[in-house]
Amino acid sequence: ADEEGVRDDIWYVVSTVLLGYTHV
């Protein structure tokens, strides 16, 4: 519920999606 918690969720998804599109 914290602002930092939401930010962490967003950055996790962004970095992990980019990871998946980098190498199998």
PDB file of all heavy atoms in Angstrom:
ATOM      1  N   ALA A   1       0.817  -1.212   0.000  1.00  0.00           N
ATOM      2  CA  ALA A   1       0.000   0.000   0.000  1.00  0.00           C
ATOM      3  C   ALA A   1       0.850   1.260   0.000  1.00  0.00           C
ATOM      4  O   ALA A   1       0.374   2.346  -0.331  1.00  0.00           O
ATOM      5  CB  ALA A   1      -0.933   0.008   1.210  1.00  0.00           C
ATOM      6  N   ASP A   2       2.128   1.115   0.383  1.00  0.00           N
ATOM      7  CA  ASP A   2       3.005   2.268   0.398  1.00  0.00           C
ATOM      8  C   ASP A   2       3.339   2.710  -1.018  1.00  0.00           C
ATOM      9  O   ASP A   2       3.311   1.914  -1.961  1.00  0.00           O
ATOM     10  CB  ASP A   2       4.312   1.934   1.127  1.00  0.00           C
ATOM     11  CG  ASP A   2       4.076   1.677   2.608  1.00  0.00           C
ATOM     12  OD1 ASP A   2       2.974   2.014   3.080  1.00  0.00           O
ATOM     13  OD2 ASP A   2       4.985   1.137   3.267  1.00  0.00           O
ATOM     14  N   GLU A   3       3.689   3.975  -1.121  1.00  0.00           N
ATOM     15  CA  GLU A   3       4.102   4.476  -2.433  1.00  0.00           C
ATOM     16  C   GLU A   3       5.321   3.722  -2.939  1.00  0.00           C
ATOM     17  O   GLU A   3       5.417   3.392  -4.116  1.00  0.00           O
ATOM     18  CB  GLU A   3       4.412   5.968  -2.320  1.00  0.00           C
ATOM     19  CG  GLU A   3       4.844   6.603  -3.640  1.00  0.00           C
ATOM     20  CD  GLU A   3       5.159   8.071  -3.486  1.00  0.00           C
ATOM     21  OE1 GLU A   3       4.753   8.664  -2.468  1.00  0.00           O
ATOM     22  OE2 GLU A   3       5.801   8.626  -4.396  1.00  0.00           O
ATOM     23  N   GLU A   4       6.265   3.423  -2.020  1.00  0.00           N
ATOM     24  CA  GLU A   4       7.459   2.684  -2.419  1.00  0.00           C
ATOM     25  C   GLU A   4       7.105   1.262  -2.829  1.00  0.00           C
ATOM     26  O   GLU A   4       7.727   0.692  -3.732  1.00  0.00           O
ATOM     27  CB  GLU A   4       8.478   2.673  -1.285  1.00  0.00           C
ATOM     28  CG  GLU A   4       9.137   4.012  -1.059  1.00  0.00           C
ATOM     29  CD  GLU A   4      10.355   3.898  -0.162  1.00  0.00           C
ATOM     30  OE1 GLU A   4      10.681   2.767   0.226  1.00  0.00           O
ATOM     31  OE2 GLU A   4      10.973   4.922   0.131  1.00  0.00           O
ATOM     32  N   GLY A   5       6.121   0.671  -2.157  1.00  0.00           N
ATOM     33  CA  GLY A   5       5.727  -0.687  -2.518  1.00  0.00           C
ATOM     34  C   GLY A   5       5.174  -0.755  -3.927  1.00  0.00           C
ATOM     35  O   GLY A   5       5.496  -1.681  -4.692  1.00  0.00           O
ATOM     36  N   VAL A   6       4.345   0.197  -4.305  1.00  0.00           N
ATOM     37  CA  VAL A   6       3.804   0.240  -5.664  1.00  0.00           C
ATOM     38  C   VAL A   6       4.919   0.472  -6.674  1.00  0.00           C
ATOM     39  O   VAL A   6       4.959  -0.153  -7.738  1.00  0.00           O
ATOM     40  CB  VAL A   6       2.726   1.340  -5.778  1.00  0.00           C
ATOM     41  CG1 VAL A   6       2.256   1.478  -7.221  1.00  0.00           C
ATOM     42  CG2 VAL A   6       1.555   1.037  -4.862  1.00  0.00           C
ATOM     43  N   ARG A   7       5.832   1.358  -6.325  1.00  0.00           N
ATOM     44  CA  ARG A   7       6.973   1.609  -7.211  1.00  0.00           C
ATOM     45  C   ARG A   7       7.801   0.341  -7.404  1.00  0.00           C
ATOM     46  O   ARG A   7       8.243   0.033  -8.526  1.00  0.00           O
ATOM     47  CB  ARG A   7       7.850   2.713  -6.628  1.00  0.00           C
ATOM     48  CG  ARG A   7       9.023   3.107  -7.530  1.00  0.00           C
ATOM     49  CD  ARG A   7      10.036   3.929  -6.776  1.00  0.00           C
ATOM     50  NE  ARG A   7      10.690   3.137  -5.729  1.00  0.00           N
ATOM     51  CZ  ARG A   7      11.648   3.616  -4.935  1.00  0.00           C
ATOM     52  NH1 ARG A   7      12.010   4.884  -5.036  1.00  0.00           N
ATOM     53  NH2 ARG A   7      12.199   2.838  -4.021  1.00  0.00           N
ATOM     54  N   ASP A   8       8.009  -0.405  -6.327  1.00  0.00           N
ATOM     55  CA  ASP A   8       8.762  -1.649  -6.436  1.00  0.00           C
ATOM     56  C   ASP A   8       8.071  -2.631  -7.371  1.00  0.00           C
ATOM     57  O   ASP A   8       8.724  -3.310  -8.173  1.00  0.00           O
ATOM     58  CB  ASP A   8       8.931  -2.284  -5.057  1.00  0.00           C
ATOM     59  CG  ASP A   8       9.788  -1.427  -4.128  1.00  0.00           C
ATOM     60  OD1 ASP A   8      10.486  -0.529  -4.632  1.00  0.00           O
ATOM     61  OD2 ASP A   8       9.724  -1.649  -2.906  1.00  0.00           O
ATOM     62  N   ASP A   9       6.750  -2.731  -7.262  1.00  0.00           N
ATOM     63  CA  ASP A   9       5.999  -3.618  -8.146  1.00  0.00           C
ATOM     64  C   ASP A   9       6.215  -3.241  -9.607  1.00  0.00           C
ATOM     65  O   ASP A   9       6.448  -4.107 -10.470  1.00  0.00           O
ATOM     66  CB  ASP A   9       4.502  -3.563  -7.822  1.00  0.00           C
ATOM     67  CG  ASP A   9       4.171  -4.182  -6.469  1.00  0.00           C
ATOM     68  OD1 ASP A   9       5.085  -4.740  -5.838  1.00  0.00           O
ATOM     69  OD2 ASP A   9       2.997  -4.108  -6.064  1.00  0.00           O
ATOM     70  N   ILE A  10       6.122  -1.960  -9.893  1.00  0.00           N
ATOM     71  CA  ILE A  10       6.260  -1.491 -11.275  1.00  0.00           C
ATOM     72  C   ILE A  10       7.667  -1.784 -11.797  1.00  0.00           C
ATOM     73  O   ILE A  10       7.836  -2.331 -12.904  1.00  0.00           O
ATOM     74  CB  ILE A  10       5.953   0.023 -11.359  1.00  0.00           C
ATOM     75  CG1 ILE A  10       4.482   0.267 -11.043  1.00  0.00           C
ATOM     76  CG2 ILE A  10       6.312   0.563 -12.749  1.00  0.00           C
ATOM     77  CD1 ILE A  10       4.119   1.734 -10.933  1.00  0.00           C
ATOM     78  N   TRP A  11       8.675  -1.444 -10.993  1.00  0.00           N
ATOM     79  CA  TRP A  11      10.037  -1.667 -11.453  1.00  0.00           C
ATOM     80  C   TRP A  11      10.369  -3.149 -11.577  1.00  0.00           C
ATOM     81  O   TRP A  11      11.147  -3.550 -12.455  1.00  0.00           O
ATOM     82  CB  TRP A  11      11.027  -0.981 -10.519  1.00  0.00           C
ATOM     83  CG  TRP A  11      11.149   0.490 -10.785  1.00  0.00           C
ATOM     84  CD1 TRP A  11      10.810   1.513  -9.956  1.00  0.00           C
ATOM     85  CD2 TRP A  11      11.647   1.096 -11.981  1.00  0.00           C
ATOM     86  NE1 TRP A  11      11.058   2.720 -10.554  1.00  0.00           N
ATOM     87  CE2 TRP A  11      11.577   2.498 -11.801  1.00  0.00           C
ATOM     88  CE3 TRP A  11      12.139   0.603 -13.183  1.00  0.00           C
ATOM     89  CZ2 TRP A  11      11.976   3.400 -12.770  1.00  0.00           C
ATOM     90  CZ3 TRP A  11      12.535   1.502 -14.166  1.00  0.00           C
ATOM     91  CH2 TRP A  11      12.461   2.880 -13.961  1.00  0.00           C
ATOM     92  N   TYR A  12       9.777  -3.960 -10.717  1.00  0.00           N
ATOM     93  CA  TYR A  12      10.000  -5.405 -10.863  1.00  0.00           C
ATOM     94  C   TYR A  12       9.437  -5.900 -12.192  1.00  0.00           C
ATOM     95  O   TYR A  12      10.110  -6.631 -12.932  1.00  0.00           O
ATOM     96  CB  TYR A  12       9.366  -6.188  -9.711  1.00  0.00           C
ATOM     97  CG  TYR A  12       9.371  -7.668  -9.995  1.00  0.00           C
ATOM     98  CD1 TYR A  12      10.534  -8.417  -9.849  1.00  0.00           C
ATOM     99  CD2 TYR A  12       8.228  -8.325 -10.476  1.00  0.00           C
ATOM    100  CE1 TYR A  12      10.571  -9.763 -10.166  1.00  0.00           C
ATOM    101  CE2 TYR A  12       8.257  -9.666 -10.787  1.00  0.00           C
ATOM    102  CZ  TYR A  12       9.432 -10.384 -10.635  1.00  0.00           C
ATOM    103  OH  TYR A  12       9.464 -11.713 -10.963  1.00  0.00           O
ATOM    104  N   VAL A  13       8.218  -5.533 -12.503  1.00  0.00           N
ATOM    105  CA  VAL A  13       7.602  -5.973 -13.749  1.00  0.00           C
ATOM    106  C   VAL A  13       8.403  -5.466 -14.947  1.00  0.00           C
ATOM    107  O   VAL A  13       8.675  -6.225 -15.893  1.00  0.00           O
ATOM    108  CB  VAL A  13       6.131  -5.509 -13.827  1.00  0.00           C
ATOM    109  CG1 VAL A  13       5.557  -5.772 -15.216  1.00  0.00           C
ATOM    110  CG2 VAL A  13       5.292  -6.214 -12.774  1.00  0.00           C
ATOM    111  N   VAL A  14       8.804  -4.204 -14.915  1.00  0.00           N
ATOM    112  CA  VAL A  14       9.558  -3.643 -16.045  1.00  0.00           C
ATOM    113  C   VAL A  14      10.873  -4.389 -16.246  1.00  0.00           C
ATOM    114  O   VAL A  14      11.201  -4.828 -17.360  1.00  0.00           O
ATOM    115  CB  VAL A  14       9.824  -2.142 -15.813  1.00  0.00           C
ATOM    116  CG1 VAL A  14      10.823  -1.610 -16.842  1.00  0.00           C
ATOM    117  CG2 VAL A  14       8.529  -1.348 -15.895  1.00  0.00           C
ATOM    118  N   SER A  15      11.654  -4.556 -15.168  1.00  0.00           N
ATOM    119  CA  SER A  15      12.955  -5.213 -15.297  1.00  0.00           C
ATOM    120  C   SER A  15      12.804  -6.679 -15.688  1.00  0.00           C
ATOM    121  O   SER A  15      13.612  -7.204 -16.476  1.00  0.00           O
ATOM    122  CB  SER A  15      13.739  -5.102 -13.987  1.00  0.00           C
ATOM    123  OG  SER A  15      13.050  -5.718 -12.911  1.00  0.00           O
ATOM    124  N   THR A  16      11.777  -7.342 -15.200  1.00  0.00           N
ATOM    125  CA  THR A  16      11.595  -8.767 -15.493  1.00  0.00           C
ATOM    126  C   THR A  16      11.088  -8.986 -16.913  1.00  0.00           C
ATOM    127  O   THR A  16      11.498  -9.944 -17.590  1.00  0.00           O
ATOM    128  CB  THR A  16      10.636  -9.398 -14.473  1.00  0.00           C
ATOM    129  OG1 THR A  16      11.123  -9.143 -13.148  1.00  0.00           O
ATOM    130  CG2 THR A  16      10.527 -10.897 -14.675  1.00  0.00           C
ATOM    131  N   VAL A  17      10.223  -8.121 -17.400  1.00  0.00           N
ATOM    132  CA  VAL A  17       9.772  -8.226 -18.790  1.00  0.00           C
ATOM    133  C   VAL A  17      10.946  -7.974 -19.735  1.00  0.00           C
ATOM    134  O   VAL A  17      11.132  -8.708 -20.715  1.00  0.00           O
ATOM    135  CB  VAL A  17       8.617  -7.234 -19.063  1.00  0.00           C
ATOM    136  CG1 VAL A  17       8.340  -7.136 -20.561  1.00  0.00           C
ATOM    137  CG2 VAL A  17       7.363  -7.663 -18.325  1.00  0.00           C
ATOM    138  N   LEU A  18      11.749  -6.968 -19.438  1.00  0.00           N
ATOM    139  CA  LEU A  18      12.939  -6.719 -20.257  1.00  0.00           C
ATOM    140  C   LEU A  18      13.894  -7.910 -20.201  1.00  0.00           C
ATOM    141  O   LEU A  18      14.513  -8.268 -21.212  1.00  0.00           O
ATOM    142  CB  LEU A  18      13.648  -5.453 -19.775  1.00  0.00           C
ATOM    143  CG  LEU A  18      12.889  -4.134 -19.975  1.00  0.00           C
ATOM    144  CD1 LEU A  18      13.691  -2.978 -19.402  1.00  0.00           C
ATOM    145  CD2 LEU A  18      12.568  -3.897 -21.443  1.00  0.00           C
ATOM    146  N   LEU A  19      14.003  -8.528 -19.043  1.00  0.00           N
ATOM    147  CA  LEU A  19      14.829  -9.725 -18.902  1.00  0.00           C
ATOM    148  C   LEU A  19      14.331 -10.837 -19.815  1.00  0.00           C
ATOM    149  O   LEU A  19      15.117 -11.492 -20.512  1.00  0.00           O
ATOM    150  CB  LEU A  19      14.816 -10.188 -17.442  1.00  0.00           C
ATOM    151  CG  LEU A  19      15.488 -11.521 -17.115  1.00  0.00           C
ATOM    152  CD1 LEU A  19      16.976 -11.454 -17.400  1.00  0.00           C
ATOM    153  CD2 LEU A  19      15.236 -11.899 -15.650  1.00  0.00           C
ATOM    154  N   GLY A  20      13.018 -11.070 -19.823  1.00  0.00           N
ATOM    155  CA  GLY A  20      12.461 -12.113 -20.675  1.00  0.00           C
ATOM    156  C   GLY A  20      12.659 -11.849 -22.145  1.00  0.00           C
ATOM    157  O   GLY A  20      12.797 -12.785 -22.950  1.00  0.00           O
ATOM    158  N   TYR A  21      12.700 -10.571 -22.536  1.00  0.00           N
ATOM    159  CA  TYR A  21      12.898 -10.211 -23.937  1.00  0.00           C
ATOM    160  C   TYR A  21      14.377 -10.084 -24.312  1.00  0.00           C
ATOM    161  O   TYR A  21      14.694  -9.718 -25.432  1.00  0.00           O
ATOM    162  CB  TYR A  21      12.180  -8.904 -24.261  1.00  0.00           C
ATOM    163  CG  TYR A  21      10.714  -9.083 -24.581  1.00  0.00           C
ATOM    164  CD1 TYR A  21       9.730  -8.594 -23.729  1.00  0.00           C
ATOM    165  CD2 TYR A  21      10.312  -9.756 -25.738  1.00  0.00           C
ATOM    166  CE1 TYR A  21       8.381  -8.772 -24.019  1.00  0.00           C
ATOM    167  CE2 TYR A  21       8.973  -9.929 -26.035  1.00  0.00           C
ATOM    168  CZ  TYR A  21       8.015  -9.430 -25.171  1.00  0.00           C
ATOM    169  OH  TYR A  21       6.683  -9.620 -25.469  1.00  0.00           O
ATOM    170  N   THR A  22      15.267 -10.389 -23.365  1.00  0.00           N
ATOM    171  CA  THR A  22      16.699 -10.340 -23.640  1.00  0.00           C
ATOM    172  C   THR A  22      17.263 -11.704 -23.998  1.00  0.00           C
ATOM    173  O   THR A  22      18.039 -11.845 -24.942  1.00  0.00           O
ATOM    174  CB  THR A  22      17.462  -9.783 -22.421  1.00  0.00           C
ATOM    175  OG1 THR A  22      17.026  -8.434 -22.187  1.00  0.00           O
ATOM    176  CG2 THR A  22      18.961  -9.790 -22.653  1.00  0.00           C
ATOM    177  N   HIS A  23      16.866 -12.725 -23.240  1.00  0.00           N
ATOM    178  CA  HIS A  23      17.402 -14.078 -23.484  1.00  0.00           C
ATOM    179  C   HIS A  23      16.449 -15.089 -22.872  1.00  0.00           C
ATOM    180  O   HIS A  23      15.828 -14.828 -21.836  1.00  0.00           O
ATOM    181  CB  HIS A  23      18.798 -14.221 -22.869  1.00  0.00           C
ATOM    182  CG  HIS A  23      19.582 -15.381 -23.397  1.00  0.00           C
ATOM    183  ND1 HIS A  23      19.388 -16.673 -22.946  1.00  0.00           N
ATOM    184  CD2 HIS A  23      20.555 -15.457 -24.346  1.00  0.00           C
ATOM    185  CE1 HIS A  23      20.221 -17.482 -23.586  1.00  0.00           C
ATOM    186  NE2 HIS A  23      20.941 -16.771 -24.441  1.00  0.00           N
ATOM    187  N   VAL A  24      16.364 -16.250 -23.492  1.00  0.00           N
ATOM    188  CA  VAL A  24      15.444 -17.276 -23.002  1.00  0.00           C
ATOM    189  C   VAL A  24      15.819 -17.728 -21.592  1.00  0.00           C
ATOM    190  O   VAL A  24      14.952 -18.115 -20.804  1.00  0.00           O
ATOM    191  CB  VAL A  24      15.416 -18.476 -23.969  1.00  0.00           C
ATOM    192  CG1 VAL A  24      16.754 -19.199 -23.986  1.00  0.00           C
ATOM    193  CG2 VAL A  24      14.287 -19.443 -23.616  1.00  0.00           C
TER     194      VAL A  24
END
